[in-house]
Amino acid sequence: MADTADTRTPAQIEADISRRRAVLAETLDEIGVRVHPKTIVGDAKARVASNIDHTLGRAYVGVNRAVSDVKAQFVDEDGAPRLERVVPVALLVVGVVGLLTLGTRRRRR
């Protein structure tokens, strides 16, 4: 087994040391950037923003699905309203609003 260190010239050894110093300096700079408080805070903000975006996206899909399901109950495939379902709900809403109005008027007296 031959030792390659014995065959290198002093210039080659100095060049190797310089190259290794440069690589080490680059690695230390990268570590310094990674552990810098601004970098850590920035990474945390990015993770939070990503989680919020993901959560909002899921919420949007859920709400959109719910709205589509409700719409399907009151509109047929052609887009025409289903009067047999719309009229009872409209009467119920009018009745609840009327009761709330009467209750508010009685409290004011």
N, C-alpha and C. Protein backbone atom coordinates (compact mmCIF):
# COMPACT_ATOMS: atom_id res chain seq x y z
N MET A 1 0.84 -1.17 0.00
CA MET A 1 0.00 0.00 0.00
C MET A 1 0.89 1.23 0.00
N ALA A 2 0.79 2.05 -1.03
CA ALA A 2 1.65 3.22 -1.18
C ALA A 2 1.02 4.43 -0.52
N ASP A 3 1.82 5.23 0.13
CA ASP A 3 1.35 6.44 0.80
C ASP A 3 1.52 7.60 -0.18
N THR A 4 0.42 8.21 -0.61
CA THR A 4 0.48 9.27 -1.61
C THR A 4 1.00 10.57 -1.02
N ALA A 5 0.98 10.73 0.31
CA ALA A 5 1.46 11.96 0.93
C ALA A 5 2.97 12.10 0.75
N ASP A 6 3.66 10.99 0.64
CA ASP A 6 5.11 11.03 0.48
C ASP A 6 5.51 11.53 -0.90
N THR A 7 4.66 11.35 -1.90
CA THR A 7 5.02 11.71 -3.27
C THR A 7 4.59 13.13 -3.63
N ARG A 8 3.85 13.80 -2.77
CA ARG A 8 3.40 15.16 -3.09
C ARG A 8 4.50 16.18 -2.80
N THR A 9 4.48 17.20 -3.59
CA THR A 9 5.45 18.29 -3.40
C THR A 9 4.91 19.27 -2.36
N PRO A 10 5.75 20.10 -1.79
CA PRO A 10 5.26 21.11 -0.84
C PRO A 10 4.21 22.03 -1.46
N ALA A 11 4.33 22.34 -2.73
CA ALA A 11 3.34 23.19 -3.41
C ALA A 11 1.99 22.49 -3.49
N GLN A 12 2.03 21.18 -3.76
CA GLN A 12 0.77 20.42 -3.81
C GLN A 12 0.12 20.35 -2.44
N ILE A 13 0.94 20.19 -1.42
CA ILE A 13 0.41 20.14 -0.05
C ILE A 13 -0.21 21.49 0.32
N GLU A 14 0.46 22.58 -0.01
CA GLU A 14 -0.08 23.91 0.27
C GLU A 14 -1.38 24.15 -0.49
N ALA A 15 -1.44 23.71 -1.75
CA ALA A 15 -2.66 23.88 -2.55
C ALA A 15 -3.81 23.07 -1.94
N ASP A 16 -3.50 21.86 -1.48
CA ASP A 16 -4.52 21.02 -0.85
C ASP A 16 -5.03 21.66 0.44
N ILE A 17 -4.09 22.22 1.23
CA ILE A 17 -4.49 22.89 2.48
C ILE A 17 -5.36 24.11 2.16
N SER A 18 -4.98 24.88 1.16
CA SER A 18 -5.77 26.06 0.77
C SER A 18 -7.18 25.66 0.31
N ARG A 19 -7.25 24.60 -0.49
CA ARG A 19 -8.55 24.12 -0.98
C ARG A 19 -9.42 23.66 0.19
N ARG A 20 -8.83 22.93 1.12
CA ARG A 20 -9.59 22.45 2.28
C ARG A 20 -10.03 23.61 3.17
N ARG A 21 -9.17 24.64 3.32
CA ARG A 21 -9.57 25.82 4.09
C ARG A 21 -10.77 26.52 3.44
N ALA A 22 -10.74 26.62 2.12
CA ALA A 22 -11.85 27.28 1.41
C ALA A 22 -13.15 26.49 1.60
N VAL A 23 -13.06 25.18 1.49
CA VAL A 23 -14.25 24.33 1.68
C VAL A 23 -14.75 24.45 3.12
N LEU A 24 -13.82 24.43 4.08
CA LEU A 24 -14.19 24.57 5.48
C LEU A 24 -14.82 25.93 5.75
N ALA A 25 -14.25 27.00 5.18
CA ALA A 25 -14.81 28.35 5.36
C ALA A 25 -16.23 28.42 4.79
N GLU A 26 -16.43 27.82 3.63
CA GLU A 26 -17.76 27.81 3.02
C GLU A 26 -18.75 27.04 3.90
N THR A 27 -18.32 25.91 4.44
CA THR A 27 -19.18 25.11 5.32
C THR A 27 -19.53 25.88 6.58
N LEU A 28 -18.53 26.55 7.17
CA LEU A 28 -18.79 27.35 8.38
C LEU A 28 -19.73 28.52 8.09
N ASP A 29 -19.57 29.15 6.92
CA ASP A 29 -20.48 30.24 6.55
C ASP A 29 -21.91 29.72 6.41
N GLU A 30 -22.05 28.56 5.80
CA GLU A 30 -23.38 27.97 5.62
C GLU A 30 -24.01 27.63 6.97
N ILE A 31 -23.22 27.08 7.88
CA ILE A 31 -23.72 26.77 9.23
C ILE A 31 -24.12 28.06 9.93
N GLY A 32 -23.30 29.10 9.78
CA GLY A 32 -23.62 30.39 10.40
C GLY A 32 -24.94 30.95 9.90
N VAL A 33 -25.19 30.81 8.60
CA VAL A 33 -26.46 31.29 8.04
C VAL A 33 -27.62 30.46 8.57
N ARG A 34 -27.43 29.16 8.64
CA ARG A 34 -28.51 28.28 9.10
C ARG A 34 -28.90 28.53 10.55
N VAL A 35 -27.95 28.84 11.42
CA VAL A 35 -28.26 29.01 12.84
C VAL A 35 -28.48 30.47 13.21
N HIS A 36 -28.41 31.38 12.24
CA HIS A 36 -28.65 32.79 12.52
C HIS A 36 -30.12 32.97 12.92
N PRO A 37 -30.38 33.77 13.94
CA PRO A 37 -31.76 33.95 14.40
C PRO A 37 -32.73 34.41 13.30
N LYS A 38 -32.27 35.29 12.41
CA LYS A 38 -33.16 35.74 11.33
C LYS A 38 -33.55 34.59 10.41
N THR A 39 -32.58 33.71 10.16
CA THR A 39 -32.87 32.55 9.31
C THR A 39 -33.86 31.61 9.99
N ILE A 40 -33.65 31.38 11.27
CA ILE A 40 -34.55 30.49 12.02
C ILE A 40 -35.96 31.07 12.06
N VAL A 41 -36.06 32.39 12.32
CA VAL A 41 -37.38 33.04 12.35
C VAL A 41 -38.02 32.99 10.96
N GLY A 42 -37.23 33.26 9.94
CA GLY A 42 -37.77 33.21 8.57
C GLY A 42 -38.28 31.83 8.20
N ASP A 43 -37.53 30.80 8.59
CA ASP A 43 -37.97 29.43 8.32
C ASP A 43 -39.26 29.11 9.07
N ALA A 44 -39.33 29.56 10.33
CA ALA A 44 -40.54 29.31 11.12
C ALA A 44 -41.74 30.03 10.51
N LYS A 45 -41.54 31.27 10.07
CA LYS A 45 -42.63 32.01 9.42
C LYS A 45 -43.09 31.30 8.15
N ALA A 46 -42.14 30.81 7.38
CA ALA A 46 -42.49 30.11 6.14
C ALA A 46 -43.29 28.85 6.44
N ARG A 47 -42.91 28.11 7.49
CA ARG A 47 -43.66 26.90 7.85
C ARG A 47 -45.07 27.25 8.31
N VAL A 48 -45.19 28.31 9.11
CA VAL A 48 -46.51 28.72 9.59
C VAL A 48 -47.38 29.16 8.41
N ALA A 49 -46.81 29.96 7.52
CA ALA A 49 -47.56 30.42 6.35
C ALA A 49 -48.00 29.24 5.49
N SER A 50 -47.13 28.27 5.33
CA SER A 50 -47.47 27.08 4.55
C SER A 50 -48.61 26.31 5.21
N ASN A 51 -48.55 26.15 6.53
CA ASN A 51 -49.61 25.44 7.25
C ASN A 51 -50.93 26.19 7.15
N ILE A 52 -50.88 27.53 7.26
CA ILE A 52 -52.10 28.32 7.15
C ILE A 52 -52.68 28.19 5.75
N ASP A 53 -51.83 28.29 4.72
CA ASP A 53 -52.31 28.13 3.35
C ASP A 53 -52.96 26.77 3.16
N HIS A 54 -52.34 25.74 3.71
CA HIS A 54 -52.88 24.39 3.58
C HIS A 54 -54.23 24.28 4.29
N THR A 55 -54.31 24.85 5.49
CA THR A 55 -55.55 24.80 6.27
C THR A 55 -56.65 25.59 5.57
N LEU A 56 -56.31 26.78 5.08
CA LEU A 56 -57.31 27.58 4.37
C LEU A 56 -57.78 26.89 3.10
N GLY A 57 -56.86 26.24 2.42
CA GLY A 57 -57.24 25.51 1.21
C GLY A 57 -58.21 24.38 1.52
N ARG A 58 -57.93 23.66 2.60
CA ARG A 58 -58.84 22.58 3.00
C ARG A 58 -60.19 23.14 3.42
N ALA A 59 -60.19 24.27 4.14
CA ALA A 59 -61.44 24.89 4.56
C ALA A 59 -62.24 25.35 3.35
N TYR A 60 -61.56 25.94 2.36
CA TYR A 60 -62.24 26.40 1.15
C TYR A 60 -62.90 25.22 0.43
N VAL A 61 -62.17 24.13 0.32
CA VAL A 61 -62.73 22.95 -0.36
C VAL A 61 -63.95 22.44 0.41
N GLY A 62 -63.85 22.41 1.74
CA GLY A 62 -64.98 21.94 2.55
C GLY A 62 -66.20 22.83 2.42
N VAL A 63 -65.98 24.15 2.48
CA VAL A 63 -67.10 25.08 2.34
C VAL A 63 -67.70 25.00 0.95
N ASN A 64 -66.84 24.91 -0.05
CA ASN A 64 -67.33 24.81 -1.42
C ASN A 64 -68.17 23.55 -1.61
N ARG A 65 -67.74 22.46 -1.01
CA ARG A 65 -68.51 21.21 -1.10
C ARG A 65 -69.86 21.35 -0.40
N ALA A 66 -69.85 21.99 0.77
CA ALA A 66 -71.10 22.18 1.51
C ALA A 66 -72.07 23.06 0.74
N VAL A 67 -71.56 24.14 0.15
CA VAL A 67 -72.42 25.03 -0.65
C VAL A 67 -72.98 24.28 -1.85
N SER A 68 -72.16 23.49 -2.48
CA SER A 68 -72.64 22.71 -3.64
C SER A 68 -73.71 21.72 -3.22
N ASP A 69 -73.54 21.09 -2.05
CA ASP A 69 -74.54 20.14 -1.56
C ASP A 69 -75.86 20.84 -1.26
N VAL A 70 -75.79 22.01 -0.64
CA VAL A 70 -77.02 22.76 -0.32
C VAL A 70 -77.68 23.23 -1.61
N LYS A 71 -76.87 23.73 -2.53
CA LYS A 71 -77.42 24.19 -3.81
C LYS A 71 -78.13 23.05 -4.54
N ALA A 72 -77.54 21.86 -4.47
CA ALA A 72 -78.15 20.70 -5.13
C ALA A 72 -79.51 20.38 -4.53
N GLN A 73 -79.73 20.72 -3.26
CA GLN A 73 -81.02 20.47 -2.63
C GLN A 73 -82.10 21.42 -3.13
N PHE A 74 -81.72 22.61 -3.57
CA PHE A 74 -82.71 23.64 -3.93
C PHE A 74 -82.76 23.96 -5.41
N VAL A 75 -81.85 23.38 -6.21
CA VAL A 75 -81.81 23.64 -7.65
C VAL A 75 -81.69 22.30 -8.36
N ASP A 76 -82.46 22.13 -9.44
CA ASP A 76 -82.36 20.87 -10.17
C ASP A 76 -81.19 20.91 -11.16
N GLU A 77 -81.02 19.84 -11.93
CA GLU A 77 -79.89 19.72 -12.84
C GLU A 77 -79.89 20.80 -13.92
N ASP A 78 -81.07 21.31 -14.28
CA ASP A 78 -81.18 22.34 -15.31
C ASP A 78 -80.93 23.74 -14.76
N GLY A 79 -80.82 23.88 -13.45
CA GLY A 79 -80.60 25.19 -12.84
C GLY A 79 -81.88 25.86 -12.38
N ALA A 80 -83.02 25.19 -12.57
CA ALA A 80 -84.30 25.75 -12.14
C ALA A 80 -84.51 25.47 -10.65
N PRO A 81 -85.10 26.42 -9.92
CA PRO A 81 -85.32 26.19 -8.49
C PRO A 81 -86.34 25.09 -8.24
N ARG A 82 -86.13 24.31 -7.20
CA ARG A 82 -87.08 23.27 -6.80
C ARG A 82 -88.07 23.92 -5.83
N LEU A 83 -89.19 24.32 -6.36
CA LEU A 83 -90.16 25.07 -5.56
C LEU A 83 -90.68 24.26 -4.38
N GLU A 84 -90.77 22.95 -4.52
CA GLU A 84 -91.26 22.12 -3.42
C GLU A 84 -90.32 22.17 -2.21
N ARG A 85 -89.09 22.60 -2.42
CA ARG A 85 -88.15 22.74 -1.31
C ARG A 85 -87.89 24.20 -0.94
N VAL A 86 -87.96 25.09 -1.92
CA VAL A 86 -87.68 26.50 -1.68
C VAL A 86 -88.80 27.15 -0.88
N VAL A 87 -90.05 26.88 -1.23
CA VAL A 87 -91.20 27.54 -0.59
C VAL A 87 -91.26 27.24 0.91
N PRO A 88 -91.17 25.99 1.35
CA PRO A 88 -91.22 25.75 2.80
C PRO A 88 -90.08 26.44 3.56
N VAL A 89 -88.89 26.46 2.98
CA VAL A 89 -87.76 27.12 3.66
C VAL A 89 -88.00 28.63 3.71
N ALA A 90 -88.50 29.20 2.65
CA ALA A 90 -88.80 30.64 2.63
C ALA A 90 -89.86 30.98 3.67
N LEU A 91 -90.90 30.16 3.79
CA LEU A 91 -91.93 30.40 4.81
C LEU A 91 -91.35 30.28 6.21
N LEU A 92 -90.48 29.34 6.42
CA LEU A 92 -89.83 29.18 7.72
C LEU A 92 -88.98 30.41 8.07
N VAL A 93 -88.24 30.91 7.11
CA VAL A 93 -87.41 32.09 7.33
C VAL A 93 -88.28 33.29 7.65
N VAL A 94 -89.36 33.47 6.90
CA VAL A 94 -90.27 34.60 7.16
C VAL A 94 -90.87 34.47 8.56
N GLY A 95 -91.24 33.28 8.96
CA GLY A 95 -91.81 33.07 10.29
C GLY A 95 -90.81 33.38 11.40
N VAL A 96 -89.57 32.93 11.25
CA VAL A 96 -88.54 33.19 12.27
C VAL A 96 -88.24 34.69 12.35
N VAL A 97 -88.15 35.35 11.21
CA VAL A 97 -87.91 36.81 11.22
C VAL A 97 -89.08 37.52 11.87
N GLY A 98 -90.30 37.09 11.58
CA GLY A 98 -91.47 37.70 12.20
C GLY A 98 -91.46 37.54 13.71
N LEU A 99 -91.12 36.34 14.18
CA LEU A 99 -91.06 36.11 15.63
C LEU A 99 -89.97 36.94 16.28
N LEU A 100 -88.83 37.05 15.65
CA LEU A 100 -87.76 37.88 16.19
C LEU A 100 -88.17 39.35 16.24
N THR A 101 -88.88 39.79 15.23
CA THR A 101 -89.34 41.18 15.20
C THR A 101 -90.34 41.43 16.31
N LEU A 102 -91.27 40.53 16.52
CA LEU A 102 -92.25 40.68 17.60
C LEU A 102 -91.56 40.67 18.96
N GLY A 103 -90.60 39.80 19.14
CA GLY A 103 -89.88 39.73 20.41
C GLY A 103 -89.11 41.01 20.68
N THR A 104 -88.53 41.59 19.67
CA THR A 104 -87.79 42.85 19.84
C THR A 104 -88.72 43.99 20.18
N ARG A 105 -89.88 44.04 19.55
CA ARG A 105 -90.85 45.11 19.83
C ARG A 105 -91.38 45.00 21.24
N ARG A 106 -91.61 43.80 21.72
CA ARG A 106 -92.15 43.63 23.08
C ARG A 106 -91.12 44.05 24.13
N ARG A 107 -89.85 43.81 23.87
CA ARG A 107 -88.81 44.18 24.83
C ARG A 107 -88.65 45.71 24.94
N ARG A 108 -88.89 46.41 23.84
CA ARG A 108 -88.73 47.86 23.83
C ARG A 108 -89.82 48.56 24.62
N ARG A 109 -90.96 47.97 24.80
CA ARG A 109 -92.09 48.61 25.49
C ARG A 109 -91.91 48.60 26.94
